[in-house]
Amino acid sequence: MSDRRAPLHPGRILQCFDHFVIDLRGPAGSREAAHFTVYAVEYSPELGTGHVAFLRIRGADPQDDFDLALTDTPDMARRMQERLRRMTATVDMSRGSGSATELE
């Protein structure tokens, strides 16, 4: 057995959540893609706590695009969606972070 110990973060905890992602792409040259992402937020002063899943499907034609958001905490999901929209992407992410779905 080793006497090594895990390092500890010296500061305060800013947030704690699990994040699961699945990305699927269509044939080469096609715009078809699907992105599914799930957040389980256990602690976040900015977001609150709860679960949210975003599904974005891009079809061969833009009129076939589909966005869906599922959550057990609508207020937290709205805050997460806004947080993701504020992030700057340097490439086309084709994913839920730019979701057209408005949470009501």
N, C-alpha and C. Protein backbone atom coordinates (compact mmCIF):
# COMPACT_ATOMS: atom_id res chain seq x y z
N MET A 1 0.83 -1.18 0.00
CA MET A 1 0.00 0.00 0.00
C MET A 1 0.87 1.24 0.00
N SER A 2 0.40 2.21 -0.72
CA SER A 2 1.12 3.47 -0.83
C SER A 2 0.70 4.41 0.29
N ASP A 3 1.59 5.31 0.62
CA ASP A 3 1.29 6.30 1.65
C ASP A 3 0.85 7.63 1.02
N ARG A 4 0.60 7.59 -0.30
CA ARG A 4 0.21 8.83 -0.98
C ARG A 4 -1.20 9.21 -0.58
N ARG A 5 -1.42 10.52 -0.52
CA ARG A 5 -2.75 11.03 -0.19
C ARG A 5 -3.26 11.88 -1.34
N ALA A 6 -4.53 11.92 -1.49
CA ALA A 6 -5.14 12.73 -2.54
C ALA A 6 -4.98 14.21 -2.19
N PRO A 7 -4.67 15.03 -3.19
CA PRO A 7 -4.55 16.47 -2.91
C PRO A 7 -5.93 17.06 -2.62
N LEU A 8 -5.96 18.05 -1.79
CA LEU A 8 -7.20 18.75 -1.46
C LEU A 8 -7.18 20.13 -2.08
N HIS A 9 -8.33 20.53 -2.58
CA HIS A 9 -8.46 21.87 -3.13
C HIS A 9 -8.44 22.86 -1.96
N PRO A 10 -7.58 23.88 -2.01
CA PRO A 10 -7.44 24.78 -0.86
C PRO A 10 -8.58 25.80 -0.72
N GLY A 11 -9.33 26.02 -1.77
CA GLY A 11 -10.38 27.05 -1.72
C GLY A 11 -11.75 26.49 -1.43
N ARG A 12 -12.74 27.36 -1.56
CA ARG A 12 -14.11 26.94 -1.33
C ARG A 12 -14.65 26.20 -2.56
N ILE A 13 -15.66 25.39 -2.37
CA ILE A 13 -16.29 24.68 -3.48
C ILE A 13 -17.19 25.66 -4.22
N LEU A 14 -17.00 25.77 -5.53
CA LEU A 14 -17.78 26.70 -6.33
C LEU A 14 -19.07 26.08 -6.83
N GLN A 15 -19.00 24.82 -7.25
CA GLN A 15 -20.17 24.09 -7.71
C GLN A 15 -19.84 22.62 -7.81
N CYS A 16 -20.86 21.79 -7.81
CA CYS A 16 -20.67 20.35 -7.92
C CYS A 16 -21.82 19.79 -8.74
N PHE A 17 -21.48 19.21 -9.91
CA PHE A 17 -22.51 18.56 -10.71
C PHE A 17 -21.91 17.50 -11.61
N ASP A 18 -22.74 16.55 -12.00
CA ASP A 18 -22.37 15.53 -12.97
C ASP A 18 -22.87 16.00 -14.33
N HIS A 19 -22.13 15.63 -15.38
CA HIS A 19 -22.48 16.04 -16.73
C HIS A 19 -22.25 14.85 -17.65
N PHE A 20 -23.27 14.48 -18.39
CA PHE A 20 -23.23 13.33 -19.30
C PHE A 20 -23.55 13.83 -20.70
N VAL A 21 -22.77 13.42 -21.70
CA VAL A 21 -22.96 13.90 -23.07
C VAL A 21 -22.90 12.75 -24.06
N ILE A 22 -23.80 12.77 -25.05
CA ILE A 22 -23.73 11.87 -26.20
C ILE A 22 -23.84 12.73 -27.45
N ASP A 23 -22.90 12.61 -28.35
CA ASP A 23 -22.92 13.29 -29.65
C ASP A 23 -22.94 12.25 -30.75
N LEU A 24 -23.85 12.40 -31.68
CA LEU A 24 -23.93 11.51 -32.84
C LEU A 24 -23.92 12.36 -34.10
N ARG A 25 -23.17 11.94 -35.09
CA ARG A 25 -23.09 12.66 -36.36
C ARG A 25 -23.62 11.80 -37.48
N GLY A 26 -24.20 12.48 -38.49
CA GLY A 26 -24.67 11.80 -39.68
C GLY A 26 -23.51 11.53 -40.62
N PRO A 27 -23.81 11.14 -41.85
CA PRO A 27 -22.76 10.84 -42.83
C PRO A 27 -21.88 12.07 -43.09
N ALA A 28 -20.67 11.83 -43.53
CA ALA A 28 -19.73 12.92 -43.85
C ALA A 28 -20.38 13.89 -44.82
N GLY A 29 -20.22 15.18 -44.55
CA GLY A 29 -20.79 16.20 -45.41
C GLY A 29 -22.24 16.54 -45.10
N SER A 30 -22.87 15.77 -44.25
CA SER A 30 -24.26 15.99 -43.88
C SER A 30 -24.32 16.92 -42.67
N ARG A 31 -25.39 17.68 -42.54
CA ARG A 31 -25.57 18.50 -41.35
C ARG A 31 -26.31 17.72 -40.25
N GLU A 32 -26.69 16.48 -40.55
CA GLU A 32 -27.42 15.68 -39.58
C GLU A 32 -26.56 15.39 -38.36
N ALA A 33 -27.15 15.62 -37.18
CA ALA A 33 -26.44 15.38 -35.93
C ALA A 33 -27.45 15.34 -34.79
N ALA A 34 -27.05 14.72 -33.70
CA ALA A 34 -27.85 14.73 -32.48
C ALA A 34 -26.91 14.94 -31.30
N HIS A 35 -27.36 15.72 -30.35
CA HIS A 35 -26.59 15.97 -29.14
C HIS A 35 -27.54 15.84 -27.96
N PHE A 36 -27.14 15.04 -26.99
CA PHE A 36 -27.92 14.84 -25.77
C PHE A 36 -27.02 15.10 -24.59
N THR A 37 -27.42 15.99 -23.71
CA THR A 37 -26.61 16.30 -22.54
C THR A 37 -27.49 16.37 -21.30
N VAL A 38 -27.00 15.80 -20.21
CA VAL A 38 -27.73 15.76 -18.95
C VAL A 38 -26.86 16.38 -17.85
N TYR A 39 -27.45 17.24 -17.06
CA TYR A 39 -26.78 17.83 -15.92
C TYR A 39 -27.52 17.43 -14.65
N ALA A 40 -26.78 16.94 -13.66
CA ALA A 40 -27.32 16.68 -12.33
C ALA A 40 -26.58 17.64 -11.40
N VAL A 41 -27.20 18.73 -11.06
CA VAL A 41 -26.56 19.78 -10.28
C VAL A 41 -26.85 19.54 -8.80
N GLU A 42 -25.79 19.24 -8.05
CA GLU A 42 -25.92 18.96 -6.62
C GLU A 42 -25.72 20.21 -5.78
N TYR A 43 -24.83 21.11 -6.25
CA TYR A 43 -24.56 22.34 -5.52
C TYR A 43 -24.09 23.41 -6.49
N SER A 44 -24.79 24.52 -6.53
CA SER A 44 -24.37 25.66 -7.32
C SER A 44 -25.12 26.89 -6.83
N PRO A 45 -24.40 27.84 -6.21
CA PRO A 45 -25.08 29.06 -5.78
C PRO A 45 -25.70 29.83 -6.95
N GLU A 46 -25.08 29.75 -8.12
CA GLU A 46 -25.57 30.46 -9.30
C GLU A 46 -26.81 29.79 -9.90
N LEU A 47 -26.81 28.45 -9.95
CA LEU A 47 -27.87 27.72 -10.65
C LEU A 47 -28.97 27.18 -9.75
N GLY A 48 -28.64 26.81 -8.54
CA GLY A 48 -29.55 26.06 -7.68
C GLY A 48 -29.26 24.58 -7.85
N THR A 49 -30.18 23.73 -7.48
CA THR A 49 -29.99 22.28 -7.62
C THR A 49 -31.12 21.69 -8.45
N GLY A 50 -30.84 20.56 -9.08
CA GLY A 50 -31.84 19.88 -9.88
C GLY A 50 -31.21 19.15 -11.05
N HIS A 51 -32.06 18.72 -11.96
CA HIS A 51 -31.63 17.95 -13.13
C HIS A 51 -32.21 18.58 -14.39
N VAL A 52 -31.41 18.59 -15.45
CA VAL A 52 -31.91 19.08 -16.74
C VAL A 52 -31.23 18.31 -17.85
N ALA A 53 -32.00 17.99 -18.88
CA ALA A 53 -31.46 17.31 -20.07
C ALA A 53 -31.86 18.13 -21.29
N PHE A 54 -30.91 18.31 -22.18
CA PHE A 54 -31.16 19.01 -23.44
C PHE A 54 -30.92 18.03 -24.59
N LEU A 55 -31.85 17.98 -25.52
CA LEU A 55 -31.71 17.17 -26.72
C LEU A 55 -31.83 18.10 -27.92
N ARG A 56 -30.85 18.05 -28.80
CA ARG A 56 -30.91 18.82 -30.05
C ARG A 56 -30.67 17.84 -31.19
N ILE A 57 -31.59 17.85 -32.15
CA ILE A 57 -31.45 17.03 -33.35
C ILE A 57 -31.42 17.97 -34.54
N ARG A 58 -30.39 17.85 -35.36
CA ARG A 58 -30.30 18.62 -36.60
C ARG A 58 -30.58 17.67 -37.74
N GLY A 59 -31.59 18.00 -38.52
CA GLY A 59 -31.95 17.15 -39.65
C GLY A 59 -31.19 17.53 -40.91
N ALA A 60 -31.43 16.80 -41.97
CA ALA A 60 -30.80 17.10 -43.25
C ALA A 60 -31.23 18.48 -43.73
N ASP A 61 -32.44 18.87 -43.36
CA ASP A 61 -32.99 20.18 -43.72
C ASP A 61 -33.24 20.95 -42.42
N PRO A 62 -32.92 22.24 -42.35
CA PRO A 62 -33.13 23.01 -41.11
C PRO A 62 -34.55 22.95 -40.57
N GLN A 63 -35.55 22.77 -41.43
CA GLN A 63 -36.92 22.70 -40.93
C GLN A 63 -37.18 21.42 -40.14
N ASP A 64 -36.26 20.45 -40.23
CA ASP A 64 -36.39 19.21 -39.49
C ASP A 64 -35.70 19.26 -38.12
N ASP A 65 -35.09 20.40 -37.77
CA ASP A 65 -34.40 20.52 -36.48
C ASP A 65 -35.40 20.38 -35.34
N PHE A 66 -34.91 19.84 -34.23
CA PHE A 66 -35.77 19.57 -33.08
C PHE A 66 -34.97 19.84 -31.81
N ASP A 67 -35.56 20.58 -30.88
CA ASP A 67 -34.94 20.86 -29.58
C ASP A 67 -35.92 20.48 -28.47
N LEU A 68 -35.39 19.88 -27.42
CA LEU A 68 -36.22 19.46 -26.30
C LEU A 68 -35.44 19.67 -25.01
N ALA A 69 -36.11 20.17 -24.00
CA ALA A 69 -35.52 20.30 -22.67
C ALA A 69 -36.43 19.58 -21.68
N LEU A 70 -35.83 18.76 -20.82
CA LEU A 70 -36.55 18.04 -19.78
C LEU A 70 -35.93 18.38 -18.44
N THR A 71 -36.75 18.62 -17.42
CA THR A 71 -36.20 19.01 -16.13
C THR A 71 -37.17 18.71 -15.00
N ASP A 72 -36.62 18.60 -13.80
CA ASP A 72 -37.44 18.51 -12.60
C ASP A 72 -37.43 19.85 -11.85
N THR A 73 -36.67 20.82 -12.35
CA THR A 73 -36.54 22.13 -11.70
C THR A 73 -36.48 23.21 -12.79
N PRO A 74 -37.62 23.68 -13.28
CA PRO A 74 -37.63 24.62 -14.40
C PRO A 74 -36.79 25.89 -14.16
N ASP A 75 -36.79 26.45 -12.97
CA ASP A 75 -36.00 27.67 -12.73
C ASP A 75 -34.51 27.40 -12.89
N MET A 76 -34.04 26.28 -12.34
CA MET A 76 -32.62 25.92 -12.48
C MET A 76 -32.30 25.66 -13.94
N ALA A 77 -33.19 25.00 -14.67
CA ALA A 77 -32.96 24.70 -16.08
C ALA A 77 -32.84 25.98 -16.90
N ARG A 78 -33.67 26.98 -16.60
CA ARG A 78 -33.57 28.28 -17.30
C ARG A 78 -32.21 28.92 -17.04
N ARG A 79 -31.78 28.88 -15.79
CA ARG A 79 -30.47 29.47 -15.45
C ARG A 79 -29.34 28.71 -16.13
N MET A 80 -29.43 27.38 -16.20
CA MET A 80 -28.40 26.58 -16.87
C MET A 80 -28.38 26.92 -18.36
N GLN A 81 -29.55 27.04 -18.96
CA GLN A 81 -29.63 27.36 -20.38
C GLN A 81 -28.98 28.72 -20.65
N GLU A 82 -29.26 29.70 -19.82
CA GLU A 82 -28.64 31.02 -20.00
C GLU A 82 -27.13 30.96 -19.79
N ARG A 83 -26.69 30.18 -18.82
CA ARG A 83 -25.24 30.01 -18.58
C ARG A 83 -24.58 29.43 -19.83
N LEU A 84 -25.19 28.41 -20.41
CA LEU A 84 -24.62 27.77 -21.60
C LEU A 84 -24.62 28.73 -22.78
N ARG A 85 -25.65 29.54 -22.91
CA ARG A 85 -25.70 30.50 -24.02
C ARG A 85 -24.61 31.56 -23.90
N ARG A 86 -24.19 31.89 -22.69
CA ARG A 86 -23.14 32.89 -22.49
C ARG A 86 -21.75 32.36 -22.83
N MET A 87 -21.60 31.06 -22.88
CA MET A 87 -20.30 30.47 -23.20
C MET A 87 -19.96 30.73 -24.66
N THR A 88 -18.72 31.02 -24.93
CA THR A 88 -18.28 31.29 -26.29
C THR A 88 -17.71 30.03 -26.91
N ALA A 89 -18.23 29.66 -28.07
CA ALA A 89 -17.74 28.49 -28.79
C ALA A 89 -16.95 28.98 -30.00
N THR A 90 -15.83 28.33 -30.26
CA THR A 90 -15.03 28.69 -31.42
C THR A 90 -15.34 27.83 -32.62
N VAL A 91 -16.19 26.82 -32.42
CA VAL A 91 -16.62 25.94 -33.52
C VAL A 91 -18.12 25.73 -33.41
N ASP A 92 -18.74 25.27 -34.48
CA ASP A 92 -20.16 24.94 -34.46
C ASP A 92 -20.36 23.73 -33.56
N MET A 93 -21.00 23.94 -32.43
CA MET A 93 -21.17 22.86 -31.47
C MET A 93 -22.36 21.97 -31.80
N SER A 94 -23.32 22.49 -32.56
CA SER A 94 -24.51 21.71 -32.95
C SER A 94 -25.13 20.98 -31.77
N ARG A 95 -25.26 21.68 -30.67
CA ARG A 95 -25.71 21.00 -29.46
C ARG A 95 -26.70 21.81 -28.64
N GLY A 96 -27.10 21.23 -27.55
CA GLY A 96 -28.12 21.82 -26.71
C GLY A 96 -27.78 23.16 -26.11
N SER A 97 -26.53 23.54 -26.06
CA SER A 97 -26.19 24.81 -25.43
C SER A 97 -26.71 25.99 -26.24
N GLY A 98 -27.03 25.80 -27.48
CA GLY A 98 -27.62 26.86 -28.29
C GLY A 98 -29.08 26.59 -28.53
N SER A 99 -29.66 25.80 -27.68
CA SER A 99 -31.03 25.31 -27.87
C SER A 99 -32.02 26.42 -28.15
N ALA A 100 -32.86 26.20 -29.13
CA ALA A 100 -33.92 27.14 -29.45
C ALA A 100 -35.11 26.94 -28.53
N THR A 101 -35.10 25.90 -27.72
CA THR A 101 -36.22 25.61 -26.83
C THR A 101 -36.24 26.64 -25.71
N GLU A 102 -37.34 27.33 -25.55
CA GLU A 102 -37.51 28.28 -24.45
C GLU A 102 -38.25 27.57 -23.33
N LEU A 103 -37.69 27.62 -22.13
CA LEU A 103 -38.35 27.01 -20.99
C LEU A 103 -39.37 27.99 -20.44
N GLU A 104 -40.56 27.53 -20.19
CA GLU A 104 -41.62 28.40 -19.68
C GLU A 104 -41.94 28.08 -18.26
